[in-house]
Amino acid sequence: ARITSTDSTNYADSVKGRFTISRDNAKNTVSLPMN
């Protein structure tokens, strides 16, 4: 998964719909909840 500086995202087909990528610029973190 990838997330740009403008919050555009893309995912591998194998994880699409199951994983989510997000970023918190105030905390300098990126997360990947996986279901």
All heavy atoms as atom14 arrays in JSON, in Angstrom:
{
  "sequence": "ARITSTDSTNYADSVKGRFTISRDNAKNTVSLPMN",
  "atom14_mask": [
    [1, 1, 1, 1, 1, 0, 0, 0, 0, 0, 0, 0, 0, 0],
    [1, 1, 1, 1, 1, 1, 1, 1, 1, 1, 1, 0, 0, 0],
    [1, 1, 1, 1, 1, 1, 1, 1, 0, 0, 0, 0, 0, 0],
    [1, 1, 1, 1, 1, 1, 1, 0, 0, 0, 0, 0, 0, 0],
    [1, 1, 1, 1, 1, 1, 0, 0, 0, 0, 0, 0, 0, 0],
    [1, 1, 1, 1, 1, 1, 1, 0, 0, 0, 0, 0, 0, 0],
    [1, 1, 1, 1, 1, 1, 1, 1, 0, 0, 0, 0, 0, 0],
    [1, 1, 1, 1, 1, 1, 0, 0, 0, 0, 0, 0, 0, 0],
    [1, 1, 1, 1, 1, 1, 1, 0, 0, 0, 0, 0, 0, 0],
    [1, 1, 1, 1, 1, 1, 1, 1, 0, 0, 0, 0, 0, 0],
    [1, 1, 1, 1, 1, 1, 1, 1, 1, 1, 1, 1, 0, 0],
    [1, 1, 1, 1, 1, 0, 0, 0, 0, 0, 0, 0, 0, 0],
    [1, 1, 1, 1, 1, 1, 1, 1, 0, 0, 0, 0, 0, 0],
    [1, 1, 1, 1, 1, 1, 0, 0, 0, 0, 0, 0, 0, 0],
    [1, 1, 1, 1, 1, 1, 1, 0, 0, 0, 0, 0, 0, 0],
    [1, 1, 1, 1, 1, 1, 1, 1, 1, 0, 0, 0, 0, 0],
    [1, 1, 1, 1, 0, 0, 0, 0, 0, 0, 0, 0, 0, 0],
    [1, 1, 1, 1, 1, 1, 1, 1, 1, 1, 1, 0, 0, 0],
    [1, 1, 1, 1, 1, 1, 1, 1, 1, 1, 1, 0, 0, 0],
    [1, 1, 1, 1, 1, 1, 1, 0, 0, 0, 0, 0, 0, 0],
    [1, 1, 1, 1, 1, 1, 1, 1, 0, 0, 0, 0, 0, 0],
    [1, 1, 1, 1, 1, 1, 0, 0, 0, 0, 0, 0, 0, 0],
    [1, 1, 1, 1, 1, 1, 1, 1, 1, 1, 1, 0, 0, 0],
    [1, 1, 1, 1, 1, 1, 1, 1, 0, 0, 0, 0, 0, 0],
    [1, 1, 1, 1, 1, 1, 1, 1, 0, 0, 0, 0, 0, 0],
    [1, 1, 1, 1, 1, 0, 0, 0, 0, 0, 0, 0, 0, 0],
    [1, 1, 1, 1, 1, 1, 1, 1, 1, 0, 0, 0, 0, 0],
    [1, 1, 1, 1, 1, 1, 1, 1, 0, 0, 0, 0, 0, 0],
    [1, 1, 1, 1, 1, 1, 1, 0, 0, 0, 0, 0, 0, 0],
    [1, 1, 1, 1, 1, 1, 1, 0, 0, 0, 0, 0, 0, 0],
    [1, 1, 1, 1, 1, 1, 0, 0, 0, 0, 0, 0, 0, 0],
    [1, 1, 1, 1, 1, 1, 1, 1, 0, 0, 0, 0, 0, 0],
    [1, 1, 1, 1, 1, 1, 1, 0, 0, 0, 0, 0, 0, 0],
    [1, 1, 1, 1, 1, 1, 1, 1, 0, 0, 0, 0, 0, 0],
    [1, 1, 1, 1, 1, 1, 1, 1, 0, 0, 0, 0, 0, 0]
  ],
  "atom14_positions": [
    [[0.84, -1.19, 0.0], [0.0, 0.0, 0.0], [0.87, 1.23, 0.0], [2.0, 1.21, 0.49], [-0.93, 0.02, 1.21], [0.0, 0.0, 0.0], [0.0, 0.0, 0.0], [0.0, 0.0, 0.0], [0.0, 0.0, 0.0], [0.0, 0.0, 0.0], [0.0, 0.0, 0.0], [0.0, 0.0, 0.0], [0.0, 0.0, 0.0], [0.0, 0.0, 0.0]],
    [[0.34, 2.32, -0.54], [1.09, 3.56, -0.64], [0.15, 4.73, -0.4], [-1.02, 4.71, -0.8], [1.73, 3.67, -2.03], [2.4, 4.99, -2.34], [3.0, 4.95, -3.74], [4.17, 4.08, -3.8], [4.49, 3.32, -4.84], [3.72, 3.32, -5.92], [5.58, 2.57, -4.81], [0.0, 0.0, 0.0], [0.0, 0.0, 0.0], [0.0, 0.0, 0.0]],
    [[0.67, 5.75, 0.25], [-0.1, 6.98, 0.44], [0.81, 8.17, 0.17], [1.94, 8.24, 0.65], [-0.72, 7.04, 1.86], [-1.6, 8.29, 2.01], [0.35, 6.97, 2.95], [-2.5, 8.22, 3.24], [0.0, 0.0, 0.0], [0.0, 0.0, 0.0], [0.0, 0.0, 0.0], [0.0, 0.0, 0.0], [0.0, 0.0, 0.0], [0.0, 0.0, 0.0]],
    [[0.32, 9.11, -0.63], [1.11, 10.26, -1.02], [0.96, 11.39, -0.02], [0.21, 11.3, 0.94], [0.7, 10.76, -2.41], [-0.59, 11.38, -2.32], [0.65, 9.62, -3.41], [0.0, 0.0, 0.0], [0.0, 0.0, 0.0], [0.0, 0.0, 0.0], [0.0, 0.0, 0.0], [0.0, 0.0, 0.0], [0.0, 0.0, 0.0], [0.0, 0.0, 0.0]],
    [[1.67, 12.47, -0.29], [1.59, 13.65, 0.57], [0.23, 14.33, 0.5], [-0.1, 15.12, 1.38], [2.68, 14.65, 0.2], [2.55, 15.07, -1.14], [0.0, 0.0, 0.0], [0.0, 0.0, 0.0], [0.0, 0.0, 0.0], [0.0, 0.0, 0.0], [0.0, 0.0, 0.0], [0.0, 0.0, 0.0], [0.0, 0.0, 0.0], [0.0, 0.0, 0.0]],
    [[-0.55, 14.03, -0.54], [-1.89, 14.58, -0.67], [-2.97, 13.55, -0.36], [-4.13, 13.72, -0.72], [-2.11, 15.14, -2.08], [-1.86, 14.13, -3.05], [-1.18, 16.31, -2.34], [0.0, 0.0, 0.0], [0.0, 0.0, 0.0], [0.0, 0.0, 0.0], [0.0, 0.0, 0.0], [0.0, 0.0, 0.0], [0.0, 0.0, 0.0], [0.0, 0.0, 0.0]],
    [[-2.57, 12.46, 0.29], [-3.49, 11.43, 0.77], [-4.1, 10.58, -0.33], [-5.12, 9.91, -0.11], [-4.59, 12.02, 1.64], [-4.09, 12.49, 2.99], [-3.02, 12.03, 3.41], [-4.78, 13.33, 3.61], [0.0, 0.0, 0.0], [0.0, 0.0, 0.0], [0.0, 0.0, 0.0], [0.0, 0.0, 0.0], [0.0, 0.0, 0.0], [0.0, 0.0, 0.0]],
    [[-3.49, 10.59, -1.5], [-3.88, 9.62, -2.52], [-3.31, 8.26, -2.14], [-2.17, 8.16, -1.68], [-3.35, 10.06, -3.88], [-3.66, 9.1, -4.88], [0.0, 0.0, 0.0], [0.0, 0.0, 0.0], [0.0, 0.0, 0.0], [0.0, 0.0, 0.0], [0.0, 0.0, 0.0], [0.0, 0.0, 0.0], [0.0, 0.0, 0.0], [0.0, 0.0, 0.0]],
    [[-4.1, 7.21, -2.33], [-3.68, 5.87, -1.93], [-3.78, 4.89, -3.08], [-4.55, 5.07, -4.02], [-4.53, 5.33, -0.77], [-5.9, 5.27, -1.17], [-4.4, 6.24, 0.45], [0.0, 0.0, 0.0], [0.0, 0.0, 0.0], [0.0, 0.0, 0.0], [0.0, 0.0, 0.0], [0.0, 0.0, 0.0], [0.0, 0.0, 0.0], [0.0, 0.0, 0.0]],
    [[-2.98, 3.84, -3.01], [-3.16, 2.7, -3.87], [-2.71, 1.45, -3.14], [-1.96, 1.5, -2.18], [-2.45, 2.86, -5.23], [-0.98, 3.18, -5.11], [-0.21, 2.44, -4.51], [-0.59, 4.3, -5.71], [0.0, 0.0, 0.0], [0.0, 0.0, 0.0], [0.0, 0.0, 0.0], [0.0, 0.0, 0.0], [0.0, 0.0, 0.0], [0.0, 0.0, 0.0]],
    [[-3.22, 0.31, -3.62], [-3.04, -0.96, -2.94], [-2.72, -2.06, -3.93], [-3.15, -2.02, -5.09], [-4.3, -1.36, -2.19], [-4.72, -0.4, -1.12], [-5.56, 0.67, -1.4], [-4.29, -0.57, 0.19], [-5.95, 1.56, -0.41], [-4.68, 0.3, 1.19], [-5.5, 1.36, 0.88], [-5.89, 2.23, 1.87], [0.0, 0.0, 0.0], [0.0, 0.0, 0.0]],
    [[-2.01, -3.05, -3.47], [-1.89, -4.27, -4.23], [-3.26, -4.93, -4.34], [-4.07, -4.87, -3.41], [-0.91, -5.23, -3.55], [0.0, 0.0, 0.0], [0.0, 0.0, 0.0], [0.0, 0.0, 0.0], [0.0, 0.0, 0.0], [0.0, 0.0, 0.0], [0.0, 0.0, 0.0], [0.0, 0.0, 0.0], [0.0, 0.0, 0.0], [0.0, 0.0, 0.0]],
    [[-3.53, -5.54, -5.48], [-4.82, -6.18, -5.68], [-5.11, -7.23, -4.6], [-6.26, -7.43, -4.21], [-4.89, -6.84, -7.05], [-5.01, -5.83, -8.18], [-5.4, -4.68, -7.92], [-4.72, -6.2, -9.33], [0.0, 0.0, 0.0], [0.0, 0.0, 0.0], [0.0, 0.0, 0.0], [0.0, 0.0, 0.0], [0.0, 0.0, 0.0], [0.0, 0.0, 0.0]],
    [[-4.08, -7.88, -4.13], [-4.25, -8.96, -3.17], [-4.73, -8.48, -1.8], [-5.25, -9.29, -1.02], [-2.94, -9.73, -3.01], [-1.9, -8.88, -2.55], [0.0, 0.0, 0.0], [0.0, 0.0, 0.0], [0.0, 0.0, 0.0], [0.0, 0.0, 0.0], [0.0, 0.0, 0.0], [0.0, 0.0, 0.0], [0.0, 0.0, 0.0], [0.0, 0.0, 0.0]],
    [[-4.58, -7.2, -1.5], [-4.98, -6.69, -0.2], [-6.11, -5.67, -0.28], [-6.63, -5.25, 0.76], [-3.79, -6.07, 0.57], [-2.63, -7.04, 0.61], [-3.37, -4.75, -0.05], [0.0, 0.0, 0.0], [0.0, 0.0, 0.0], [0.0, 0.0, 0.0], [0.0, 0.0, 0.0], [0.0, 0.0, 0.0], [0.0, 0.0, 0.0], [0.0, 0.0, 0.0]],
    [[-6.48, -5.29, -1.47], [-7.52, -4.27, -1.65], [-8.82, -4.71, -0.98], [-9.28, -5.83, -1.16], [-7.73, -4.02, -3.14], [-8.51, -2.76, -3.46], [-8.5, -2.47, -4.96], [-7.08, -2.23, -5.47], [-7.05, -1.94, -6.92], [0.0, 0.0, 0.0], [0.0, 0.0, 0.0], [0.0, 0.0, 0.0], [0.0, 0.0, 0.0], [0.0, 0.0, 0.0]],
    [[-9.38, -3.81, -0.21], [-10.61, -4.11, 0.51], [-10.39, -4.7, 1.88], [-11.33, -4.77, 2.68], [0.0, 0.0, 0.0], [0.0, 0.0, 0.0], [0.0, 0.0, 0.0], [0.0, 0.0, 0.0], [0.0, 0.0, 0.0], [0.0, 0.0, 0.0], [0.0, 0.0, 0.0], [0.0, 0.0, 0.0], [0.0, 0.0, 0.0], [0.0, 0.0, 0.0]],
    [[-9.17, -5.15, 2.17], [-8.86, -5.75, 3.47], [-7.92, -4.88, 4.3], [-8.04, -4.86, 5.52], [-8.23, -7.13, 3.29], [-9.12, -8.12, 2.55], [-8.53, -9.52, 2.57], [-7.24, -9.57, 1.88], [-6.11, -9.96, 2.45], [-6.09, -10.33, 3.73], [-4.98, -10.0, 1.74], [0.0, 0.0, 0.0], [0.0, 0.0, 0.0], [0.0, 0.0, 0.0]],
    [[-6.99, -4.22, 3.63], [-6.02, -3.36, 4.31], [-6.35, -1.91, 4.02], [-6.89, -1.56, 2.97], [-4.6, -3.64, 3.82], [-4.04, -5.01, 4.11], [-4.81, -5.99, 4.69], [-2.73, -5.29, 3.8], [-4.3, -7.25, 4.95], [-2.19, -6.54, 4.06], [-2.97, -7.52, 4.63], [0.0, 0.0, 0.0], [0.0, 0.0, 0.0], [0.0, 0.0, 0.0]],
    [[-5.97, -1.05, 4.94], [-6.13, 0.39, 4.78], [-4.85, 1.08, 5.2], [-4.27, 0.74, 6.23], [-7.3, 0.92, 5.62], [-8.5, 0.21, 5.29], [-7.51, 2.41, 5.35], [0.0, 0.0, 0.0], [0.0, 0.0, 0.0], [0.0, 0.0, 0.0], [0.0, 0.0, 0.0], [0.0, 0.0, 0.0], [0.0, 0.0, 0.0], [0.0, 0.0, 0.0]],
    [[-4.4, 2.04, 4.39], [-3.24, 2.83, 4.77], [-3.7, 4.25, 5.1], [-4.57, 4.8, 4.43], [-2.16, 2.84, 3.67], [-0.87, 3.51, 4.17], [-2.66, 3.5, 2.39], [0.32, 3.32, 3.25], [0.0, 0.0, 0.0], [0.0, 0.0, 0.0], [0.0, 0.0, 0.0], [0.0, 0.0, 0.0], [0.0, 0.0, 0.0], [0.0, 0.0, 0.0]],
    [[-3.13, 4.81, 6.14], [-3.44, 6.18, 6.51], [-2.2, 6.82, 7.13], [-1.27, 6.11, 7.55], [-4.62, 6.25, 7.49], [-4.3, 5.59, 8.71], [0.0, 0.0, 0.0], [0.0, 0.0, 0.0], [0.0, 0.0, 0.0], [0.0, 0.0, 0.0], [0.0, 0.0, 0.0], [0.0, 0.0, 0.0], [0.0, 0.0, 0.0], [0.0, 0.0, 0.0]],
    [[-2.2, 8.12, 7.16], [-1.06, 8.83, 7.75], [-1.56, 9.93, 8.67], [-2.63, 10.5, 8.46], [-0.14, 9.4, 6.67], [-0.76, 10.52, 5.83], [0.1, 10.83, 4.61], [1.43, 11.29, 4.97], [2.49, 11.21, 4.18], [2.39, 10.67, 2.97], [3.67, 11.66, 4.6], [0.0, 0.0, 0.0], [0.0, 0.0, 0.0], [0.0, 0.0, 0.0]],
    [[-0.77, 10.21, 9.67], [-1.03, 11.29, 10.6], [0.2, 12.18, 10.59], [1.21, 11.86, 11.24], [-1.33, 10.76, 12.0], [-1.77, 11.84, 12.96], [-1.44, 13.02, 12.74], [-2.45, 11.5, 13.95], [0.0, 0.0, 0.0], [0.0, 0.0, 0.0], [0.0, 0.0, 0.0], [0.0, 0.0, 0.0], [0.0, 0.0, 0.0], [0.0, 0.0, 0.0]],
    [[0.13, 13.27, 9.86], [1.3, 14.13, 9.7], [1.66, 14.86, 10.99], [2.81, 15.27, 11.16], [1.07, 15.13, 8.58], [1.05, 14.48, 7.21], [1.65, 13.41, 7.01], [0.37, 15.1, 6.27], [0.0, 0.0, 0.0], [0.0, 0.0, 0.0], [0.0, 0.0, 0.0], [0.0, 0.0, 0.0], [0.0, 0.0, 0.0], [0.0, 0.0, 0.0]],
    [[0.7, 15.03, 11.87], [0.98, 15.68, 13.15], [1.79, 14.77, 14.06], [2.54, 15.25, 14.92], [-0.31, 16.1, 13.84], [0.0, 0.0, 0.0], [0.0, 0.0, 0.0], [0.0, 0.0, 0.0], [0.0, 0.0, 0.0], [0.0, 0.0, 0.0], [0.0, 0.0, 0.0], [0.0, 0.0, 0.0], [0.0, 0.0, 0.0], [0.0, 0.0, 0.0]],
    [[1.64, 13.47, 13.9], [2.35, 12.51, 14.72], [3.49, 11.81, 13.99], [4.18, 10.98, 14.59], [1.38, 11.46, 15.26], [0.31, 12.02, 16.17], [-0.61, 10.93, 16.68], [-1.67, 11.49, 17.61], [-2.58, 10.44, 18.1], [0.0, 0.0, 0.0], [0.0, 0.0, 0.0], [0.0, 0.0, 0.0], [0.0, 0.0, 0.0], [0.0, 0.0, 0.0]],
    [[3.66, 12.1, 12.71], [4.69, 11.45, 11.9], [4.55, 9.93, 11.92], [5.52, 9.19, 12.14], [6.09, 11.86, 12.36], [6.47, 13.25, 11.92], [5.66, 14.01, 11.4], [7.73, 13.6, 12.14], [0.0, 0.0, 0.0], [0.0, 0.0, 0.0], [0.0, 0.0, 0.0], [0.0, 0.0, 0.0], [0.0, 0.0, 0.0], [0.0, 0.0, 0.0]],
    [[3.34, 9.48, 11.7], [3.08, 8.04, 11.68], [2.27, 7.65, 10.46], [1.51, 8.45, 9.91], [2.32, 7.58, 12.93], [1.07, 8.27, 13.03], [3.15, 7.83, 14.19], [0.0, 0.0, 0.0], [0.0, 0.0, 0.0], [0.0, 0.0, 0.0], [0.0, 0.0, 0.0], [0.0, 0.0, 0.0], [0.0, 0.0, 0.0], [0.0, 0.0, 0.0]],
    [[2.45, 6.42, 10.04], [1.63, 5.82, 9.01], [1.16, 4.47, 9.55], [1.93, 3.75, 10.2], [2.39, 5.68, 7.67], [3.65, 4.85, 7.83], [1.49, 5.1, 6.59], [0.0, 0.0, 0.0], [0.0, 0.0, 0.0], [0.0, 0.0, 0.0], [0.0, 0.0, 0.0], [0.0, 0.0, 0.0], [0.0, 0.0, 0.0], [0.0, 0.0, 0.0]],
    [[-0.1, 4.15, 9.29], [-0.7, 2.95, 9.84], [-1.23, 2.06, 8.74], [-1.55, 2.51, 7.65], [-1.85, 3.31, 10.79], [-1.39, 4.07, 11.88], [0.0, 0.0, 0.0], [0.0, 0.0, 0.0], [0.0, 0.0, 0.0], [0.0, 0.0, 0.0], [0.0, 0.0, 0.0], [0.0, 0.0, 0.0], [0.0, 0.0, 0.0], [0.0, 0.0, 0.0]],
    [[-1.33, 0.78, 9.06], [-1.89, -0.2, 8.14], [-2.75, -1.18, 8.92], [-2.27, -2.26, 9.32], [-0.78, -0.94, 7.39], [-1.25, -1.85, 6.26], [-1.71, -1.01, 5.07], [-0.14, -2.81, 5.84], [0.0, 0.0, 0.0], [0.0, 0.0, 0.0], [0.0, 0.0, 0.0], [0.0, 0.0, 0.0], [0.0, 0.0, 0.0], [0.0, 0.0, 0.0]],
    [[-4.02, -0.84, 9.15], [-4.93, -1.84, 9.72], [-5.18, -2.93, 8.69], [-5.48, -2.64, 7.53], [-6.21, -1.04, 10.0], [-5.82, 0.4, 9.89], [-4.68, 0.45, 8.93], [0.0, 0.0, 0.0], [0.0, 0.0, 0.0], [0.0, 0.0, 0.0], [0.0, 0.0, 0.0], [0.0, 0.0, 0.0], [0.0, 0.0, 0.0], [0.0, 0.0, 0.0]],
    [[-5.06, -4.18, 9.12], [-5.21, -5.32, 8.24], [-6.32, -6.2, 8.78], [-6.26, -6.65, 9.93], [-3.9, -6.11, 8.15], [-2.7, -5.26, 7.75], [-1.18, -6.24, 7.61], [-0.95, -6.74, 9.32], [0.0, 0.0, 0.0], [0.0, 0.0, 0.0], [0.0, 0.0, 0.0], [0.0, 0.0, 0.0], [0.0, 0.0, 0.0], [0.0, 0.0, 0.0]],
    [[-7.3, -6.45, 7.94], [-8.44, -7.28, 8.32], [-8.51, -8.52, 7.45], [-7.9, -8.59, 6.38], [-9.74, -6.49, 8.19], [-9.79, -5.27, 9.08], [-9.4, -5.33, 10.25], [-10.29, -4.17, 8.54], [0.0, 0.0, 0.0], [0.0, 0.0, 0.0], [0.0, 0.0, 0.0], [0.0, 0.0, 0.0], [0.0, 0.0, 0.0], [0.0, 0.0, 0.0]]
  ]
}
